[in-house]
Amino acid sequence: MTIQLVATTQNSRLDAFETAVGTAPKLQIRTGAQPATCELGDSGTLLNEITLPTDWMSAASGGVKEKLGTWQANCVAAGTAGHFRLKDSAGTVTHMQGSCGQGSGDLQFDNAVLALNQSVTISQFDLSEGND
């Protein structure tokens, strides 16, 4: 049997996540595989760190949140993107991580091979709260 949640509960859970992460969090793009859990230290080389807008996600609706504002920054190193980490505004607590790349992964952008000072813009990022 599959557990199902009403949309208002899904929305509440998504909005609570954004509140827990806080305002102006940091999105890091790193090389290599992500650590086994968010609690473990960083792995790979930091390629890009984007400070997200103060209000970085829309209010949840229908079990989905979408990015707000511009998510863009220049690369601080060159390499192939392998994973991302979403941290609090101080950059100390990792609240989410996932794979990333060109046409694949949880976070996608147009070129996974990044150059020093290359501008990276995240054009779309959604969170969904599934019924499972």
N, C-alpha and C. Protein backbone atom coordinates (compact mmCIF):
# COMPACT_ATOMS: atom_id res chain seq x y z
N MET A 1 0.84 -1.17 0.00
CA MET A 1 0.00 0.00 0.00
C MET A 1 0.89 1.24 0.00
N THR A 2 0.49 2.26 -0.71
CA THR A 2 1.23 3.51 -0.79
C THR A 2 0.59 4.55 0.11
N ILE A 3 1.41 5.20 0.92
CA ILE A 3 0.92 6.28 1.78
C ILE A 3 0.75 7.53 0.94
N GLN A 4 -0.33 8.23 1.12
CA GLN A 4 -0.59 9.47 0.39
C GLN A 4 -0.79 10.61 1.37
N LEU A 5 -0.32 11.79 0.95
CA LEU A 5 -0.47 13.01 1.74
C LEU A 5 -1.31 14.02 0.97
N VAL A 6 -2.16 14.74 1.67
CA VAL A 6 -2.94 15.80 1.06
C VAL A 6 -1.97 16.93 0.68
N ALA A 7 -2.31 17.69 -0.37
CA ALA A 7 -1.43 18.75 -0.88
C ALA A 7 -1.07 19.77 0.20
N THR A 8 -1.99 20.09 1.11
CA THR A 8 -1.66 21.08 2.14
C THR A 8 -0.54 20.57 3.06
N THR A 9 -0.51 19.28 3.32
CA THR A 9 0.57 18.71 4.13
C THR A 9 1.88 18.71 3.34
N GLN A 10 1.81 18.36 2.06
CA GLN A 10 3.00 18.42 1.21
C GLN A 10 3.58 19.84 1.19
N ASN A 11 2.71 20.81 0.99
CA ASN A 11 3.14 22.21 0.94
C ASN A 11 3.77 22.65 2.25
N SER A 12 3.17 22.25 3.36
CA SER A 12 3.71 22.61 4.68
C SER A 12 5.10 22.05 4.88
N ARG A 13 5.32 20.82 4.46
CA ARG A 13 6.63 20.19 4.61
C ARG A 13 7.68 20.91 3.76
N LEU A 14 7.33 21.26 2.53
CA LEU A 14 8.26 21.98 1.66
C LEU A 14 8.59 23.36 2.21
N ASP A 15 7.57 24.09 2.66
CA ASP A 15 7.81 25.43 3.21
C ASP A 15 8.63 25.36 4.49
N ALA A 16 8.43 24.31 5.29
CA ALA A 16 9.22 24.12 6.52
C ALA A 16 10.69 23.88 6.18
N PHE A 17 10.96 23.19 5.07
CA PHE A 17 12.35 22.97 4.65
C PHE A 17 13.03 24.30 4.34
N GLU A 18 12.36 25.16 3.57
CA GLU A 18 12.96 26.46 3.24
C GLU A 18 13.20 27.27 4.51
N THR A 19 12.28 27.22 5.45
CA THR A 19 12.45 27.94 6.71
C THR A 19 13.65 27.39 7.48
N ALA A 20 13.81 26.09 7.50
CA ALA A 20 14.94 25.46 8.23
C ALA A 20 16.28 25.85 7.61
N VAL A 21 16.35 25.91 6.29
CA VAL A 21 17.60 26.30 5.62
C VAL A 21 17.91 27.76 5.91
N GLY A 22 16.89 28.61 5.88
CA GLY A 22 17.07 30.02 6.19
C GLY A 22 17.20 30.89 4.95
N THR A 23 17.42 32.18 5.18
CA THR A 23 17.52 33.14 4.09
C THR A 23 18.94 33.18 3.54
N ALA A 24 19.05 33.51 2.26
CA ALA A 24 20.33 33.68 1.57
C ALA A 24 21.29 32.50 1.77
N PRO A 25 20.83 31.27 1.52
CA PRO A 25 21.73 30.12 1.67
C PRO A 25 22.76 30.08 0.55
N LYS A 26 23.71 29.17 0.68
CA LYS A 26 24.78 29.01 -0.30
C LYS A 26 24.57 27.70 -1.06
N LEU A 27 24.63 27.79 -2.39
CA LEU A 27 24.57 26.62 -3.25
C LEU A 27 25.97 26.40 -3.79
N GLN A 28 26.56 25.27 -3.43
CA GLN A 28 27.92 24.95 -3.88
C GLN A 28 27.87 23.88 -4.96
N ILE A 29 28.66 24.08 -6.01
CA ILE A 29 28.84 23.07 -7.05
C ILE A 29 30.26 22.55 -6.88
N ARG A 30 30.39 21.21 -6.78
CA ARG A 30 31.67 20.58 -6.46
C ARG A 30 31.97 19.44 -7.43
N THR A 31 33.22 19.07 -7.52
CA THR A 31 33.63 17.94 -8.35
C THR A 31 33.35 16.63 -7.61
N GLY A 32 33.34 15.53 -8.37
CA GLY A 32 33.29 14.20 -7.78
C GLY A 32 31.94 13.82 -7.22
N ALA A 33 31.94 12.67 -6.54
CA ALA A 33 30.73 12.13 -5.93
C ALA A 33 30.41 12.83 -4.62
N GLN A 34 29.14 12.93 -4.33
CA GLN A 34 28.71 13.55 -3.07
C GLN A 34 29.03 12.63 -1.90
N PRO A 35 29.21 13.21 -0.70
CA PRO A 35 29.40 12.38 0.49
C PRO A 35 28.18 11.48 0.72
N ALA A 36 28.34 10.46 1.52
CA ALA A 36 27.26 9.50 1.79
C ALA A 36 26.05 10.14 2.46
N THR A 37 26.28 11.16 3.30
CA THR A 37 25.19 11.87 3.97
C THR A 37 25.51 13.36 4.02
N CYS A 38 24.49 14.16 4.27
CA CYS A 38 24.68 15.61 4.40
C CYS A 38 25.53 15.97 5.63
N GLU A 39 25.54 15.11 6.62
CA GLU A 39 26.28 15.40 7.85
C GLU A 39 27.79 15.28 7.69
N LEU A 40 28.24 14.57 6.67
CA LEU A 40 29.68 14.41 6.44
C LEU A 40 30.27 15.67 5.82
N GLY A 41 31.56 15.84 5.97
CA GLY A 41 32.26 17.01 5.43
C GLY A 41 32.22 17.05 3.91
N ASP A 42 32.60 18.20 3.39
CA ASP A 42 32.61 18.41 1.95
C ASP A 42 33.58 17.44 1.27
N SER A 43 33.28 17.12 0.01
CA SER A 43 34.20 16.33 -0.80
C SER A 43 34.35 17.03 -2.15
N GLY A 44 35.42 16.70 -2.85
CA GLY A 44 35.67 17.30 -4.15
C GLY A 44 36.13 18.74 -4.02
N THR A 45 36.39 19.33 -5.16
CA THR A 45 36.84 20.72 -5.24
C THR A 45 35.64 21.63 -5.41
N LEU A 46 35.62 22.73 -4.68
CA LEU A 46 34.57 23.73 -4.84
C LEU A 46 34.81 24.46 -6.15
N LEU A 47 33.84 24.34 -7.07
CA LEU A 47 33.94 25.01 -8.36
C LEU A 47 33.20 26.34 -8.38
N ASN A 48 32.06 26.39 -7.69
CA ASN A 48 31.21 27.57 -7.74
C ASN A 48 30.38 27.63 -6.47
N GLU A 49 30.22 28.83 -5.94
CA GLU A 49 29.34 29.03 -4.78
C GLU A 49 28.44 30.21 -5.07
N ILE A 50 27.15 29.94 -5.09
CA ILE A 50 26.15 30.96 -5.37
C ILE A 50 25.43 31.29 -4.07
N THR A 51 25.45 32.56 -3.69
CA THR A 51 24.62 33.00 -2.57
C THR A 51 23.24 33.27 -3.13
N LEU A 52 22.27 32.50 -2.68
CA LEU A 52 20.92 32.60 -3.20
C LEU A 52 20.22 33.83 -2.64
N PRO A 53 19.17 34.29 -3.31
CA PRO A 53 18.43 35.45 -2.82
C PRO A 53 17.87 35.19 -1.41
N THR A 54 17.55 36.25 -0.71
CA THR A 54 16.97 36.13 0.62
C THR A 54 15.72 35.26 0.58
N ASP A 55 14.83 35.53 -0.36
CA ASP A 55 13.66 34.68 -0.57
C ASP A 55 13.97 33.86 -1.81
N TRP A 56 14.45 32.64 -1.62
CA TRP A 56 15.02 31.85 -2.71
C TRP A 56 14.09 30.82 -3.31
N MET A 57 12.95 30.56 -2.69
CA MET A 57 11.98 29.60 -3.24
C MET A 57 10.57 30.19 -3.13
N SER A 58 9.73 29.81 -4.09
CA SER A 58 8.33 30.23 -4.06
C SER A 58 7.60 29.54 -2.91
N ALA A 59 6.43 30.06 -2.57
CA ALA A 59 5.56 29.36 -1.63
C ALA A 59 5.12 28.06 -2.30
N ALA A 60 5.11 26.99 -1.55
CA ALA A 60 4.73 25.69 -2.11
C ALA A 60 3.28 25.70 -2.56
N SER A 61 3.04 25.06 -3.69
CA SER A 61 1.69 24.93 -4.22
C SER A 61 1.61 23.60 -4.96
N GLY A 62 0.60 22.82 -4.64
CA GLY A 62 0.44 21.53 -5.31
C GLY A 62 1.59 20.57 -5.05
N GLY A 63 2.28 20.75 -3.90
CA GLY A 63 3.39 19.87 -3.54
C GLY A 63 4.69 20.20 -4.25
N VAL A 64 4.82 21.45 -4.77
CA VAL A 64 6.03 21.86 -5.50
C VAL A 64 6.45 23.26 -5.08
N LYS A 65 7.77 23.47 -4.96
CA LYS A 65 8.37 24.79 -4.76
C LYS A 65 9.30 25.04 -5.94
N GLU A 66 9.35 26.28 -6.41
CA GLU A 66 10.22 26.65 -7.52
C GLU A 66 11.18 27.74 -7.09
N LYS A 67 12.35 27.79 -7.74
CA LYS A 67 13.34 28.81 -7.41
C LYS A 67 12.81 30.20 -7.68
N LEU A 68 13.27 31.15 -6.89
CA LEU A 68 12.94 32.56 -7.09
C LEU A 68 14.24 33.32 -7.33
N GLY A 69 14.16 34.36 -8.12
CA GLY A 69 15.31 35.23 -8.32
C GLY A 69 16.39 34.61 -9.19
N THR A 70 17.52 35.31 -9.24
CA THR A 70 18.65 34.89 -10.06
C THR A 70 19.63 34.11 -9.22
N TRP A 71 19.99 32.94 -9.69
CA TRP A 71 20.98 32.08 -9.04
C TRP A 71 22.19 32.04 -9.96
N GLN A 72 23.17 32.90 -9.70
CA GLN A 72 24.31 33.03 -10.61
C GLN A 72 25.55 33.46 -9.86
N ALA A 73 26.70 32.91 -10.28
CA ALA A 73 28.00 33.33 -9.74
C ALA A 73 29.09 32.82 -10.68
N ASN A 74 30.28 33.40 -10.56
CA ASN A 74 31.44 32.97 -11.36
C ASN A 74 32.18 31.86 -10.63
N CYS A 75 32.75 30.95 -11.41
CA CYS A 75 33.49 29.81 -10.86
C CYS A 75 34.79 30.28 -10.19
N VAL A 76 35.12 29.62 -9.09
CA VAL A 76 36.36 29.92 -8.36
C VAL A 76 37.45 28.90 -8.69
N ALA A 77 37.11 27.88 -9.47
CA ALA A 77 38.07 26.85 -9.90
C ALA A 77 37.52 26.19 -11.16
N ALA A 78 38.38 25.46 -11.84
CA ALA A 78 37.98 24.74 -13.05
C ALA A 78 37.83 23.26 -12.74
N GLY A 79 36.91 22.59 -13.39
CA GLY A 79 36.73 21.15 -13.21
C GLY A 79 35.38 20.71 -13.72
N THR A 80 35.10 19.42 -13.57
CA THR A 80 33.83 18.84 -13.99
C THR A 80 32.91 18.72 -12.79
N ALA A 81 31.72 19.32 -12.91
CA ALA A 81 30.74 19.29 -11.83
C ALA A 81 30.27 17.86 -11.58
N GLY A 82 30.19 17.49 -10.31
CA GLY A 82 29.74 16.15 -9.95
C GLY A 82 28.58 16.14 -8.97
N HIS A 83 28.55 17.13 -8.06
CA HIS A 83 27.45 17.18 -7.10
C HIS A 83 27.28 18.61 -6.58
N PHE A 84 26.13 18.84 -5.93
CA PHE A 84 25.89 20.14 -5.31
C PHE A 84 25.59 19.94 -3.83
N ARG A 85 25.81 21.00 -3.07
CA ARG A 85 25.42 21.02 -1.66
C ARG A 85 24.72 22.35 -1.40
N LEU A 86 23.60 22.30 -0.70
CA LEU A 86 22.86 23.49 -0.30
C LEU A 86 23.11 23.70 1.18
N LYS A 87 23.71 24.84 1.52
CA LYS A 87 24.10 25.11 2.91
C LYS A 87 23.40 26.34 3.45
N ASP A 88 23.43 26.50 4.75
CA ASP A 88 22.88 27.70 5.38
C ASP A 88 23.69 28.92 4.93
N SER A 89 23.26 30.11 5.33
CA SER A 89 23.91 31.34 4.89
C SER A 89 25.35 31.46 5.37
N ALA A 90 25.69 30.80 6.47
CA ALA A 90 27.08 30.81 6.96
C ALA A 90 27.95 29.81 6.21
N GLY A 91 27.31 28.91 5.46
CA GLY A 91 28.05 27.89 4.72
C GLY A 91 28.57 26.76 5.59
N THR A 92 27.95 26.56 6.76
CA THR A 92 28.47 25.56 7.70
C THR A 92 27.61 24.30 7.80
N VAL A 93 26.31 24.40 7.59
CA VAL A 93 25.42 23.25 7.71
C VAL A 93 24.87 22.89 6.33
N THR A 94 25.09 21.64 5.90
CA THR A 94 24.55 21.17 4.63
C THR A 94 23.15 20.63 4.87
N HIS A 95 22.17 21.25 4.21
CA HIS A 95 20.77 20.84 4.37
C HIS A 95 20.31 19.90 3.26
N MET A 96 21.01 19.93 2.11
CA MET A 96 20.62 19.10 0.97
C MET A 96 21.85 18.91 0.08
N GLN A 97 21.90 17.78 -0.58
CA GLN A 97 22.93 17.55 -1.58
C GLN A 97 22.36 16.65 -2.65
N GLY A 98 23.00 16.66 -3.82
CA GLY A 98 22.53 15.81 -4.90
C GLY A 98 23.51 15.84 -6.06
N SER A 99 23.20 15.05 -7.05
CA SER A 99 24.06 14.99 -8.24
C SER A 99 23.79 16.19 -9.13
N CYS A 100 24.74 16.50 -9.99
CA CYS A 100 24.54 17.57 -10.95
C CYS A 100 25.35 17.29 -12.20
N GLY A 101 24.94 17.89 -13.29
CA GLY A 101 25.67 17.70 -14.52
C GLY A 101 24.93 18.27 -15.71
N GLN A 102 25.46 17.99 -16.87
CA GLN A 102 24.87 18.47 -18.12
C GLN A 102 23.82 17.47 -18.57
N GLY A 103 22.55 17.87 -18.48
CA GLY A 103 21.46 17.01 -18.93
C GLY A 103 21.17 15.84 -18.02
N SER A 104 21.80 15.79 -16.86
CA SER A 104 21.54 14.69 -15.92
C SER A 104 21.74 15.19 -14.50
N GLY A 105 21.18 14.48 -13.57
CA GLY A 105 21.36 14.82 -12.17
C GLY A 105 20.19 15.59 -11.59
N ASP A 106 20.28 15.83 -10.29
CA ASP A 106 19.24 16.54 -9.57
C ASP A 106 19.27 18.04 -9.86
N LEU A 107 20.45 18.57 -10.17
CA LEU A 107 20.63 19.98 -10.55
C LEU A 107 21.33 19.97 -11.90
N GLN A 108 20.68 20.58 -12.88
CA GLN A 108 21.22 20.52 -14.24
C GLN A 108 21.53 21.91 -14.77
N PHE A 109 22.60 22.00 -15.55
CA PHE A 109 22.92 23.22 -16.27
C PHE A 109 23.54 22.85 -17.60
N ASP A 110 23.83 23.84 -18.44
CA ASP A 110 24.16 23.55 -19.83
C ASP A 110 25.56 23.03 -20.09
N ASN A 111 26.46 23.10 -19.12
CA ASN A 111 27.83 22.63 -19.35
C ASN A 111 28.42 22.20 -18.02
N ALA A 112 28.73 20.92 -17.86
CA ALA A 112 29.25 20.41 -16.59
C ALA A 112 30.75 20.60 -16.46
N VAL A 113 31.44 20.93 -17.56
CA VAL A 113 32.88 21.19 -17.50
C VAL A 113 33.04 22.70 -17.35
N LEU A 114 33.43 23.11 -16.14
CA LEU A 114 33.44 24.53 -15.80
C LEU A 114 34.86 25.09 -15.81
N ALA A 115 34.99 26.34 -16.21
CA ALA A 115 36.28 27.02 -16.28
C ALA A 115 36.36 28.08 -15.19
N LEU A 116 37.57 28.40 -14.78
CA LEU A 116 37.80 29.47 -13.80
C LEU A 116 37.15 30.75 -14.32
N ASN A 117 36.41 31.43 -13.47
CA ASN A 117 35.70 32.68 -13.74
C ASN A 117 34.51 32.54 -14.68
N GLN A 118 34.18 31.32 -15.11
CA GLN A 118 33.00 31.11 -15.93
C GLN A 118 31.75 31.42 -15.13
N SER A 119 30.81 32.11 -15.73
CA SER A 119 29.54 32.40 -15.07
C SER A 119 28.63 31.18 -15.17
N VAL A 120 28.05 30.79 -14.04
CA VAL A 120 27.09 29.70 -14.00
C VAL A 120 25.76 30.27 -13.52
N THR A 121 24.71 29.99 -14.28
CA THR A 121 23.36 30.41 -13.91
C THR A 121 22.47 29.19 -13.82
N ILE A 122 21.80 29.04 -12.70
CA ILE A 122 20.84 27.95 -12.52
C ILE A 122 19.50 28.48 -13.03
N SER A 123 19.01 27.91 -14.12
CA SER A 123 17.80 28.43 -14.73
C SER A 123 16.54 27.83 -14.13
N GLN A 124 16.63 26.62 -13.59
CA GLN A 124 15.46 25.99 -13.00
C GLN A 124 15.88 25.09 -11.85
N PHE A 125 15.14 25.17 -10.76
CA PHE A 125 15.35 24.28 -9.63
C PHE A 125 14.02 24.16 -8.92
N ASP A 126 13.49 22.95 -8.83
CA ASP A 126 12.21 22.69 -8.18
C ASP A 126 12.39 21.64 -7.10
N LEU A 127 11.61 21.78 -6.07
CA LEU A 127 11.52 20.74 -5.04
C LEU A 127 10.09 20.23 -5.05
N SER A 128 9.92 18.92 -4.94
CA SER A 128 8.57 18.37 -4.88
C SER A 128 8.46 17.43 -3.69
N GLU A 129 7.28 17.34 -3.18
CA GLU A 129 6.98 16.48 -2.04
C GLU A 129 6.01 15.43 -2.54
N GLY A 130 6.56 14.28 -2.90
CA GLY A 130 5.75 13.23 -3.52
C GLY A 130 4.88 12.48 -2.53
N ASN A 131 3.91 11.82 -3.07
CA ASN A 131 3.07 10.91 -2.28
C ASN A 131 3.67 9.53 -2.37
N ASP A 132 4.43 9.13 -1.33
CA ASP A 132 5.02 7.80 -1.37
C ASP A 132 4.97 7.10 -0.05
